[in-house]
């Protein structure tokens, strides 16, 4: 049985990475490949458009850690296939 984690957009960190925070714990995920501002995805970094993009492109996401700025893992860790990601508004 897969673990289901639900995330909500938290913001863009100082490395320009989009960051999503789990609503059940302090785990954060995001992208190290798609950085913001990215006018093709979300003009002016609109949270709704960033959320929608990553809801449809979960393969771009990695786990950052448990703090908003996890300097121990700046490139992230791949998300295990046993974990189901849900991104909400």
PDB file of N, CA and C in Angstrom:
ATOM      1  N   UNK A   1       0.846  -1.180   0.000  1.00  0.00           N
ATOM      2  CA  UNK A   1       0.000   0.000   0.000  1.00  0.00           C
ATOM      3  C   UNK A   1       0.892   1.244   0.000  1.00  0.00           C
ATOM      4  N   UNK A   2       0.615   2.144  -0.885  1.00  0.00           N
ATOM      5  CA  UNK A   2       1.434   3.355  -1.024  1.00  0.00           C
ATOM      6  C   UNK A   2       1.071   4.383   0.040  1.00  0.00           C
ATOM      7  N   UNK A   3       2.059   5.164   0.438  1.00  0.00           N
ATOM      8  CA  UNK A   3       1.831   6.296   1.332  1.00  0.00           C
ATOM      9  C   UNK A   3       1.366   7.469   0.495  1.00  0.00           C
ATOM     10  N   UNK A   4       0.355   8.181   0.970  1.00  0.00           N
ATOM     11  CA  UNK A   4      -0.132   9.348   0.257  1.00  0.00           C
ATOM     12  C   UNK A   4       0.220  10.593   1.049  1.00  0.00           C
ATOM     13  N   UNK A   5       0.945  11.499   0.411  1.00  0.00           N
ATOM     14  CA  UNK A   5       1.320  12.759   1.021  1.00  0.00           C
ATOM     15  C   UNK A   5       0.633  13.885   0.280  1.00  0.00           C
ATOM     16  N   UNK A   6       0.067  14.834   1.024  1.00  0.00           N
ATOM     17  CA  UNK A   6      -0.625  15.977   0.431  1.00  0.00           C
ATOM     18  C   UNK A   6       0.197  17.233   0.676  1.00  0.00           C
ATOM     19  N   UNK A   7       0.421  17.987  -0.398  1.00  0.00           N
ATOM     20  CA  UNK A   7       1.260  19.175  -0.333  1.00  0.00           C
ATOM     21  C   UNK A   7       0.513  20.419  -0.788  1.00  0.00           C
ATOM     22  N   UNK A   8       0.954  21.552  -0.263  1.00  0.00           N
ATOM     23  CA  UNK A   8       0.415  22.858  -0.627  1.00  0.00           C
ATOM     24  C   UNK A   8       1.597  23.771  -0.951  1.00  0.00           C
ATOM     25  N   UNK A   9       1.432  24.613  -1.964  1.00  0.00           N
ATOM     26  CA  UNK A   9       2.506  25.521  -2.370  1.00  0.00           C
ATOM     27  C   UNK A   9       2.880  26.432  -1.207  1.00  0.00           C
ATOM     28  N   UNK A  10       4.177  26.496  -0.905  1.00  0.00           N
ATOM     29  CA  UNK A  10       4.668  27.339   0.180  1.00  0.00           C
ATOM     30  C   UNK A  10       5.313  28.620  -0.337  1.00  0.00           C
ATOM     31  N   UNK A  11       5.967  28.533  -1.479  1.00  0.00           N
ATOM     32  CA  UNK A  11       6.607  29.719  -2.035  1.00  0.00           C
ATOM     33  C   UNK A  11       7.817  29.359  -2.869  1.00  0.00           C
ATOM     34  N   UNK A  12       8.568  30.378  -3.238  1.00  0.00           N
ATOM     35  CA  UNK A  12       9.800  30.212  -4.006  1.00  0.00           C
ATOM     36  C   UNK A  12      10.946  30.579  -3.068  1.00  0.00           C
ATOM     37  N   UNK A  13      11.909  29.670  -2.912  1.00  0.00           N
ATOM     38  CA  UNK A  13      13.005  29.931  -1.971  1.00  0.00           C
ATOM     39  C   UNK A  13      14.081  30.813  -2.609  1.00  0.00           C
ATOM     40  N   UNK A  14      15.142  31.096  -1.852  1.00  0.00           N
ATOM     41  CA  UNK A  14      16.154  32.017  -2.355  1.00  0.00           C
ATOM     42  C   UNK A  14      17.006  31.424  -3.464  1.00  0.00           C
ATOM     43  N   UNK A  15      16.859  30.129  -3.744  1.00  0.00           N
ATOM     44  CA  UNK A  15      17.509  29.511  -4.895  1.00  0.00           C
ATOM     45  C   UNK A  15      16.579  29.507  -6.110  1.00  0.00           C
ATOM     46  N   UNK A  16      15.430  30.182  -5.996  1.00  0.00           N
ATOM     47  CA  UNK A  16      14.417  30.279  -7.060  1.00  0.00           C
ATOM     48  C   UNK A  16      13.686  28.966  -7.302  1.00  0.00           C
ATOM     49  N   UNK A  17      13.739  28.042  -6.330  1.00  0.00           N
ATOM     50  CA  UNK A  17      13.043  26.763  -6.459  1.00  0.00           C
ATOM     51  C   UNK A  17      11.619  26.884  -5.918  1.00  0.00           C
ATOM     52  N   UNK A  18      10.643  26.315  -6.621  1.00  0.00           N
ATOM     53  CA  UNK A  18       9.298  26.252  -6.045  1.00  0.00           C
ATOM     54  C   UNK A  18       9.300  25.232  -4.913  1.00  0.00           C
ATOM     55  N   UNK A  19       8.638  25.571  -3.809  1.00  0.00           N
ATOM     56  CA  UNK A  19       8.633  24.689  -2.637  1.00  0.00           C
ATOM     57  C   UNK A  19       7.189  24.419  -2.221  1.00  0.00           C
ATOM     58  N   UNK A  20       6.892  23.139  -1.982  1.00  0.00           N
ATOM     59  CA  UNK A  20       5.594  22.696  -1.498  1.00  0.00           C
ATOM     60  C   UNK A  20       5.806  22.042  -0.144  1.00  0.00           C
ATOM     61  N   UNK A  21       4.930  22.333   0.825  1.00  0.00           N
ATOM     62  CA  UNK A  21       5.030  21.772   2.176  1.00  0.00           C
ATOM     63  C   UNK A  21       3.903  20.770   2.387  1.00  0.00           C
ATOM     64  N   UNK A  22       4.253  19.640   2.975  1.00  0.00           N
ATOM     65  CA  UNK A  22       3.268  18.619   3.303  1.00  0.00           C
ATOM     66  C   UNK A  22       2.336  19.160   4.388  1.00  0.00           C
ATOM     67  N   UNK A  23       1.041  18.921   4.268  1.00  0.00           N
ATOM     68  CA  UNK A  23       0.088  19.430   5.256  1.00  0.00           C
ATOM     69  C   UNK A  23       0.047  18.568   6.520  1.00  0.00           C
ATOM     70  N   UNK A  24       0.655  17.366   6.470  1.00  0.00           N
ATOM     71  CA  UNK A  24       0.631  16.454   7.612  1.00  0.00           C
ATOM     72  C   UNK A  24       1.921  16.432   8.420  1.00  0.00           C
ATOM     73  N   UNK A  25       3.011  16.950   7.852  1.00  0.00           N
ATOM     74  CA  UNK A  25       4.301  16.964   8.540  1.00  0.00           C
ATOM     75  C   UNK A  25       5.145  18.098   7.960  1.00  0.00           C
ATOM     76  N   UNK A  26       6.412  18.127   8.258  1.00  0.00           N
ATOM     77  CA  UNK A  26       7.269  19.226   7.813  1.00  0.00           C
ATOM     78  C   UNK A  26       8.063  18.919   6.538  1.00  0.00           C
ATOM     79  N   UNK A  27       7.732  17.845   5.846  1.00  0.00           N
ATOM     80  CA  UNK A  27       8.450  17.495   4.624  1.00  0.00           C
ATOM     81  C   UNK A  27       8.137  18.512   3.530  1.00  0.00           C
ATOM     82  N   UNK A  28       9.186  18.872   2.787  1.00  0.00           N
ATOM     83  CA  UNK A  28       9.024  19.808   1.677  1.00  0.00           C
ATOM     84  C   UNK A  28       9.563  19.177   0.403  1.00  0.00           C
ATOM     85  N   UNK A  29       8.870  19.453  -0.706  1.00  0.00           N
ATOM     86  CA  UNK A  29       9.297  18.997  -2.017  1.00  0.00           C
ATOM     87  C   UNK A  29       9.360  20.198  -2.948  1.00  0.00           C
ATOM     88  N   UNK A  30      10.008  20.009  -4.079  1.00  0.00           N
ATOM     89  CA  UNK A  30      10.086  21.077  -5.059  1.00  0.00           C
ATOM     90  C   UNK A  30      10.893  20.615  -6.256  1.00  0.00           C
ATOM     91  N   UNK A  31      11.249  21.579  -7.086  1.00  0.00           N
ATOM     92  CA  UNK A  31      12.003  21.274  -8.295  1.00  0.00           C
ATOM     93  C   UNK A  31      13.353  21.974  -8.271  1.00  0.00           C
ATOM     94  N   UNK A  32      14.372  21.268  -8.736  1.00  0.00           N
ATOM     95  CA  UNK A  32      15.685  21.882  -8.899  1.00  0.00           C
ATOM     96  C   UNK A  32      15.964  22.186 -10.364  1.00  0.00           C
ATOM     97  N   UNK A  33      15.086  21.718 -11.250  1.00  0.00           N
ATOM     98  CA  UNK A  33      15.253  21.931 -12.689  1.00  0.00           C
ATOM     99  C   UNK A  33      14.428  23.112 -13.201  1.00  0.00           C
ATOM    100  N   UNK A  34      13.243  23.303 -12.638  1.00  0.00           N
ATOM    101  CA  UNK A  34      12.360  24.384 -13.074  1.00  0.00           C
ATOM    102  C   UNK A  34      12.395  25.458 -11.998  1.00  0.00           C
ATOM    103  N   UNK A  35      13.040  26.565 -12.322  1.00  0.00           N
ATOM    104  CA  UNK A  35      13.237  27.640 -11.366  1.00  0.00           C
ATOM    105  C   UNK A  35      12.383  28.847 -11.748  1.00  0.00           C
ATOM    106  N   UNK A  36      12.114  29.700 -10.779  1.00  0.00           N
ATOM    107  CA  UNK A  36      11.226  30.840 -10.999  1.00  0.00           C
ATOM    108  C   UNK A  36      11.955  32.150 -10.773  1.00  0.00           C
ATOM    109  N   UNK A  37      11.575  33.198 -11.492  1.00  0.00           N
ATOM    110  CA  UNK A  37      10.385  33.259 -12.338  1.00  0.00           C
ATOM    111  C   UNK A  37      10.591  32.531 -13.665  1.00  0.00           C
ATOM    112  N   UNK A  38       9.603  31.774 -14.054  1.00  0.00           N
ATOM    113  CA  UNK A  38       9.581  31.066 -15.322  1.00  0.00           C
ATOM    114  C   UNK A  38       8.329  31.531 -16.052  1.00  0.00           C
ATOM    115  N   UNK A  39       8.479  32.477 -16.948  1.00  0.00           N
ATOM    116  CA  UNK A  39       7.343  33.113 -17.621  1.00  0.00           C
ATOM    117  C   UNK A  39       6.528  32.128 -18.456  1.00  0.00           C
ATOM    118  N   UNK A  40       7.138  31.015 -18.896  1.00  0.00           N
ATOM    119  CA  UNK A  40       6.389  30.030 -19.684  1.00  0.00           C
ATOM    120  C   UNK A  40       5.397  29.260 -18.826  1.00  0.00           C
ATOM    121  N   UNK A  41       5.683  29.125 -17.535  1.00  0.00           N
ATOM    122  CA  UNK A  41       4.827  28.359 -16.633  1.00  0.00           C
ATOM    123  C   UNK A  41       3.907  29.263 -15.830  1.00  0.00           C
ATOM    124  N   UNK A  42       4.480  30.292 -15.209  1.00  0.00           N
ATOM    125  CA  UNK A  42       3.688  31.132 -14.306  1.00  0.00           C
ATOM    126  C   UNK A  42       4.173  32.576 -14.367  1.00  0.00           C
ATOM    127  N   UNK A  43       3.564  33.369 -15.237  1.00  0.00           N
ATOM    128  CA  UNK A  43       3.942  34.778 -15.280  1.00  0.00           C
ATOM    129  C   UNK A  43       3.823  35.402 -13.886  1.00  0.00           C
ATOM    130  N   UNK A  44       4.840  36.133 -13.481  1.00  0.00           N
ATOM    131  CA  UNK A  44       4.876  36.788 -12.178  1.00  0.00           C
ATOM    132  C   UNK A  44       4.788  35.807 -11.018  1.00  0.00           C
ATOM    133  N   UNK A  45       5.169  34.561 -11.229  1.00  0.00           N
ATOM    134  CA  UNK A  45       5.175  33.525 -10.180  1.00  0.00           C
ATOM    135  C   UNK A  45       3.806  33.358  -9.522  1.00  0.00           C
ATOM    136  N   UNK A  46       2.772  33.325 -10.305  1.00  0.00           N
ATOM    137  CA  UNK A  46       1.423  33.156  -9.764  1.00  0.00           C
ATOM    138  C   UNK A  46       1.301  31.779  -9.103  1.00  0.00           C
ATOM    139  N   UNK A  47       1.012  31.741  -7.802  1.00  0.00           N
ATOM    140  CA  UNK A  47       0.939  30.458  -7.084  1.00  0.00           C
ATOM    141  C   UNK A  47      -0.017  29.450  -7.714  1.00  0.00           C
ATOM    142  N   UNK A  48      -1.142  29.901  -8.217  1.00  0.00           N
ATOM    143  CA  UNK A  48      -2.120  28.980  -8.812  1.00  0.00           C
ATOM    144  C   UNK A  48      -1.542  28.283 -10.036  1.00  0.00           C
ATOM    145  N   UNK A  49      -0.782  29.019 -10.848  1.00  0.00           N
ATOM    146  CA  UNK A  49      -0.214  28.423 -12.062  1.00  0.00           C
ATOM    147  C   UNK A  49       0.957  27.504 -11.731  1.00  0.00           C
ATOM    148  N   UNK A  50       1.735  27.870 -10.717  1.00  0.00           N
ATOM    149  CA  UNK A  50       2.827  26.998 -10.282  1.00  0.00           C
ATOM    150  C   UNK A  50       2.241  25.688  -9.749  1.00  0.00           C
ATOM    151  N   UNK A  51       1.215  25.799  -8.912  1.00  0.00           N
ATOM    152  CA  UNK A  51       0.557  24.612  -8.357  1.00  0.00           C
ATOM    153  C   UNK A  51       0.010  23.731  -9.469  1.00  0.00           C
ATOM    154  N   UNK A  52      -0.686  24.317 -10.417  1.00  0.00           N
ATOM    155  CA  UNK A  52      -1.281  23.548 -11.521  1.00  0.00           C
ATOM    156  C   UNK A  52      -0.202  22.859 -12.357  1.00  0.00           C
ATOM    157  N   UNK A  53       0.879  23.568 -12.639  1.00  0.00           N
ATOM    158  CA  UNK A  53       1.964  22.969 -13.429  1.00  0.00           C
ATOM    159  C   UNK A  53       2.513  21.725 -12.733  1.00  0.00           C
ATOM    160  N   UNK A  54       2.840  21.834 -11.451  1.00  0.00           N
ATOM    161  CA  UNK A  54       3.440  20.698 -10.762  1.00  0.00           C
ATOM    162  C   UNK A  54       2.428  19.614 -10.425  1.00  0.00           C
ATOM    163  N   UNK A  55       1.168  19.939 -10.349  1.00  0.00           N
ATOM    164  CA  UNK A  55       0.137  18.912 -10.184  1.00  0.00           C
ATOM    165  C   UNK A  55       0.159  17.992 -11.404  1.00  0.00           C
ATOM    166  N   UNK A  56       0.455  18.568 -12.580  1.00  0.00           N
ATOM    167  CA  UNK A  56       0.491  17.800 -13.824  1.00  0.00           C
ATOM    168  C   UNK A  56       1.887  17.298 -14.188  1.00  0.00           C
ATOM    169  N   UNK A  57       2.908  17.693 -13.432  1.00  0.00           N
ATOM    170  CA  UNK A  57       4.292  17.313 -13.733  1.00  0.00           C
ATOM    171  C   UNK A  57       5.019  16.880 -12.459  1.00  0.00           C
ATOM    172  N   UNK A  58       4.437  15.948 -11.742  1.00  0.00           N
ATOM    173  CA  UNK A  58       5.000  15.501 -10.465  1.00  0.00           C
ATOM    174  C   UNK A  58       6.374  14.862 -10.626  1.00  0.00           C
ATOM    175  N   UNK A  59       6.665  14.365 -11.818  1.00  0.00           N
ATOM    176  CA  UNK A  59       7.976  13.756 -12.066  1.00  0.00           C
ATOM    177  C   UNK A  59       9.121  14.765 -11.925  1.00  0.00           C
ATOM    178  N   UNK A  60       8.813  16.059 -11.927  1.00  0.00           N
ATOM    179  CA  UNK A  60       9.816  17.116 -11.763  1.00  0.00           C
ATOM    180  C   UNK A  60      10.179  17.372 -10.305  1.00  0.00           C
ATOM    181  N   UNK A  61       9.462  16.762  -9.375  1.00  0.00           N
ATOM    182  CA  UNK A  61       9.617  17.066  -7.951  1.00  0.00           C
ATOM    183  C   UNK A  61      10.593  16.128  -7.245  1.00  0.00           C
ATOM    184  N   UNK A  62      11.300  16.683  -6.270  1.00  0.00           N
ATOM    185  CA  UNK A  62      12.195  15.922  -5.399  1.00  0.00           C
ATOM    186  C   UNK A  62      11.934  16.345  -3.954  1.00  0.00           C
ATOM    187  N   UNK A  63      12.359  15.527  -3.018  1.00  0.00           N
ATOM    188  CA  UNK A  63      12.214  15.870  -1.598  1.00  0.00           C
ATOM    189  C   UNK A  63      13.386  16.755  -1.193  1.00  0.00           C
ATOM    190  N   UNK A  64      13.082  17.882  -0.546  1.00  0.00           N
ATOM    191  CA  UNK A  64      14.118  18.794  -0.069  1.00  0.00           C
ATOM    192  C   UNK A  64      14.515  18.515   1.374  1.00  0.00           C
ATOM    193  N   UNK A  65      13.601  18.112   2.193  1.00  0.00           N
ATOM    194  CA  UNK A  65      13.887  17.903   3.611  1.00  0.00           C
ATOM    195  C   UNK A  65      12.747  18.434   4.455  1.00  0.00           C
ATOM    196  N   UNK A  66      13.071  18.840   5.683  1.00  0.00           N
ATOM    197  CA  UNK A  66      12.019  19.254   6.605  1.00  0.00           C
ATOM    198  C   UNK A  66      12.067  20.719   6.990  1.00  0.00           C
ATOM    199  N   UNK A  67      12.978  21.476   6.425  1.00  0.00           N
ATOM    200  CA  UNK A  67      13.014  22.907   6.727  1.00  0.00           C
ATOM    201  C   UNK A  67      12.795  23.690   5.434  1.00  0.00           C
ATOM    202  N   UNK A  68      12.323  24.932   5.531  1.00  0.00           N
ATOM    203  CA  UNK A  68      12.092  25.709   4.317  1.00  0.00           C
ATOM    204  C   UNK A  68      13.346  25.836   3.464  1.00  0.00           C
ATOM    205  N   UNK A  69      14.481  25.938   4.108  1.00  0.00           N
ATOM    206  CA  UNK A  69      15.745  26.022   3.381  1.00  0.00           C
ATOM    207  C   UNK A  69      16.649  24.932   3.946  1.00  0.00           C
ATOM    208  N   UNK A  70      16.607  23.763   3.307  1.00  0.00           N
ATOM    209  CA  UNK A  70      17.393  22.639   3.787  1.00  0.00           C
ATOM    210  C   UNK A  70      18.737  22.644   3.077  1.00  0.00           C
ATOM    211  N   UNK A  71      19.703  23.288   3.680  1.00  0.00           N
ATOM    212  CA  UNK A  71      21.005  23.430   3.049  1.00  0.00           C
ATOM    213  C   UNK A  71      21.785  22.121   3.035  1.00  0.00           C
ATOM    214  N   UNK A  72      21.326  21.110   3.773  1.00  0.00           N
ATOM    215  CA  UNK A  72      21.999  19.818   3.748  1.00  0.00           C
ATOM    216  C   UNK A  72      21.664  19.030   2.487  1.00  0.00           C
ATOM    217  N   UNK A  73      20.593  19.376   1.827  1.00  0.00           N
ATOM    218  CA  UNK A  73      20.157  18.637   0.644  1.00  0.00           C
ATOM    219  C   UNK A  73      19.659  19.603  -0.432  1.00  0.00           C
ATOM    220  N   UNK A  74      20.502  20.508  -0.933  1.00  0.00           N
ATOM    221  CA  UNK A  74      20.034  21.521  -1.881  1.00  0.00           C
ATOM    222  C   UNK A  74      19.604  20.957  -3.231  1.00  0.00           C
ATOM    223  N   UNK A  75      20.052  19.756  -3.587  1.00  0.00           N
ATOM    224  CA  UNK A  75      19.659  19.170  -4.869  1.00  0.00           C
ATOM    225  C   UNK A  75      18.496  18.209  -4.739  1.00  0.00           C
ATOM    226  N   UNK A  76      18.046  17.971  -3.518  1.00  0.00           N
ATOM    227  CA  UNK A  76      16.895  17.111  -3.293  1.00  0.00           C
ATOM    228  C   UNK A  76      17.216  15.636  -3.411  1.00  0.00           C
ATOM    229  N   UNK A  77      16.226  14.842  -3.028  1.00  0.00           N
ATOM    230  CA  UNK A  77      16.295  13.388  -3.076  1.00  0.00           C
ATOM    231  C   UNK A  77      15.096  12.898  -3.871  1.00  0.00           C
ATOM    232  N   UNK A  78      15.292  11.940  -4.764  1.00  0.00           N
ATOM    233  CA  UNK A  78      14.141  11.431  -5.520  1.00  0.00           C
ATOM    234  C   UNK A  78      13.035  10.917  -4.603  1.00  0.00           C
ATOM    235  N   UNK A  79      11.802  11.092  -5.037  1.00  0.00           N
ATOM    236  CA  UNK A  79      10.643  10.614  -4.283  1.00  0.00           C
ATOM    237  C   UNK A  79      10.438   9.140  -4.606  1.00  0.00           C
ATOM    238  N   UNK A  80      10.323   8.326  -3.577  1.00  0.00           N
ATOM    239  CA  UNK A  80      10.148   6.887  -3.773  1.00  0.00           C
ATOM    240  C   UNK A  80       8.849   6.601  -4.508  1.00  0.00           C
ATOM    241  N   UNK A  81       8.866   5.561  -5.313  1.00  0.00           N
ATOM    242  CA  UNK A  81       7.678   5.185  -6.081  1.00  0.00           C
ATOM    243  C   UNK A  81       6.536   4.742  -5.183  1.00  0.00           C
ATOM    244  N   UNK A  82       6.831   4.361  -3.947  1.00  0.00           N
ATOM    245  CA  UNK A  82       5.792   3.915  -3.022  1.00  0.00           C
ATOM    246  C   UNK A  82       5.015   5.079  -2.411  1.00  0.00           C
ATOM    247  N   UNK A  83       5.437   6.314  -2.710  1.00  0.00           N
ATOM    248  CA  UNK A  83       4.774   7.502  -2.167  1.00  0.00           C
ATOM    249  C   UNK A  83       3.938   8.157  -3.253  1.00  0.00           C
ATOM    250  N   UNK A  84       2.677   8.394  -2.947  1.00  0.00           N
ATOM    251  CA  UNK A  84       1.770   9.091  -3.855  1.00  0.00           C
ATOM    252  C   UNK A  84       1.700  10.549  -3.432  1.00  0.00           C
ATOM    253  N   UNK A  85       1.925  11.437  -4.392  1.00  0.00           N
ATOM    254  CA  UNK A  85       1.924  12.878  -4.128  1.00  0.00           C
ATOM    255  C   UNK A  85       0.608  13.480  -4.599  1.00  0.00           C
ATOM    256  N   UNK A  86      -0.023  14.253  -3.722  1.00  0.00           N
ATOM    257  CA  UNK A  86      -1.228  15.008  -4.065  1.00  0.00           C
ATOM    258  C   UNK A  86      -0.916  16.482  -3.789  1.00  0.00           C
ATOM    259  N   UNK A  87      -1.164  17.344  -4.759  1.00  0.00           N
ATOM    260  CA  UNK A  87      -0.907  18.772  -4.588  1.00  0.00           C
ATOM    261  C   UNK A  87      -2.249  19.499  -4.622  1.00  0.00           C
ATOM    262  N   UNK A  88      -2.513  20.264  -3.549  1.00  0.00           N
ATOM    263  CA  UNK A  88      -3.793  20.969  -3.431  1.00  0.00           C
ATOM    264  C   UNK A  88      -3.551  22.470  -3.529  1.00  0.00           C
ATOM    265  N   UNK A  89      -4.626  23.213  -3.735  1.00  0.00           N
ATOM    266  CA  UNK A  89      -4.545  24.677  -3.794  1.00  0.00           C
ATOM    267  C   UNK A  89      -4.484  25.262  -2.398  1.00  0.00           C
TER     268      UNK A  89
END
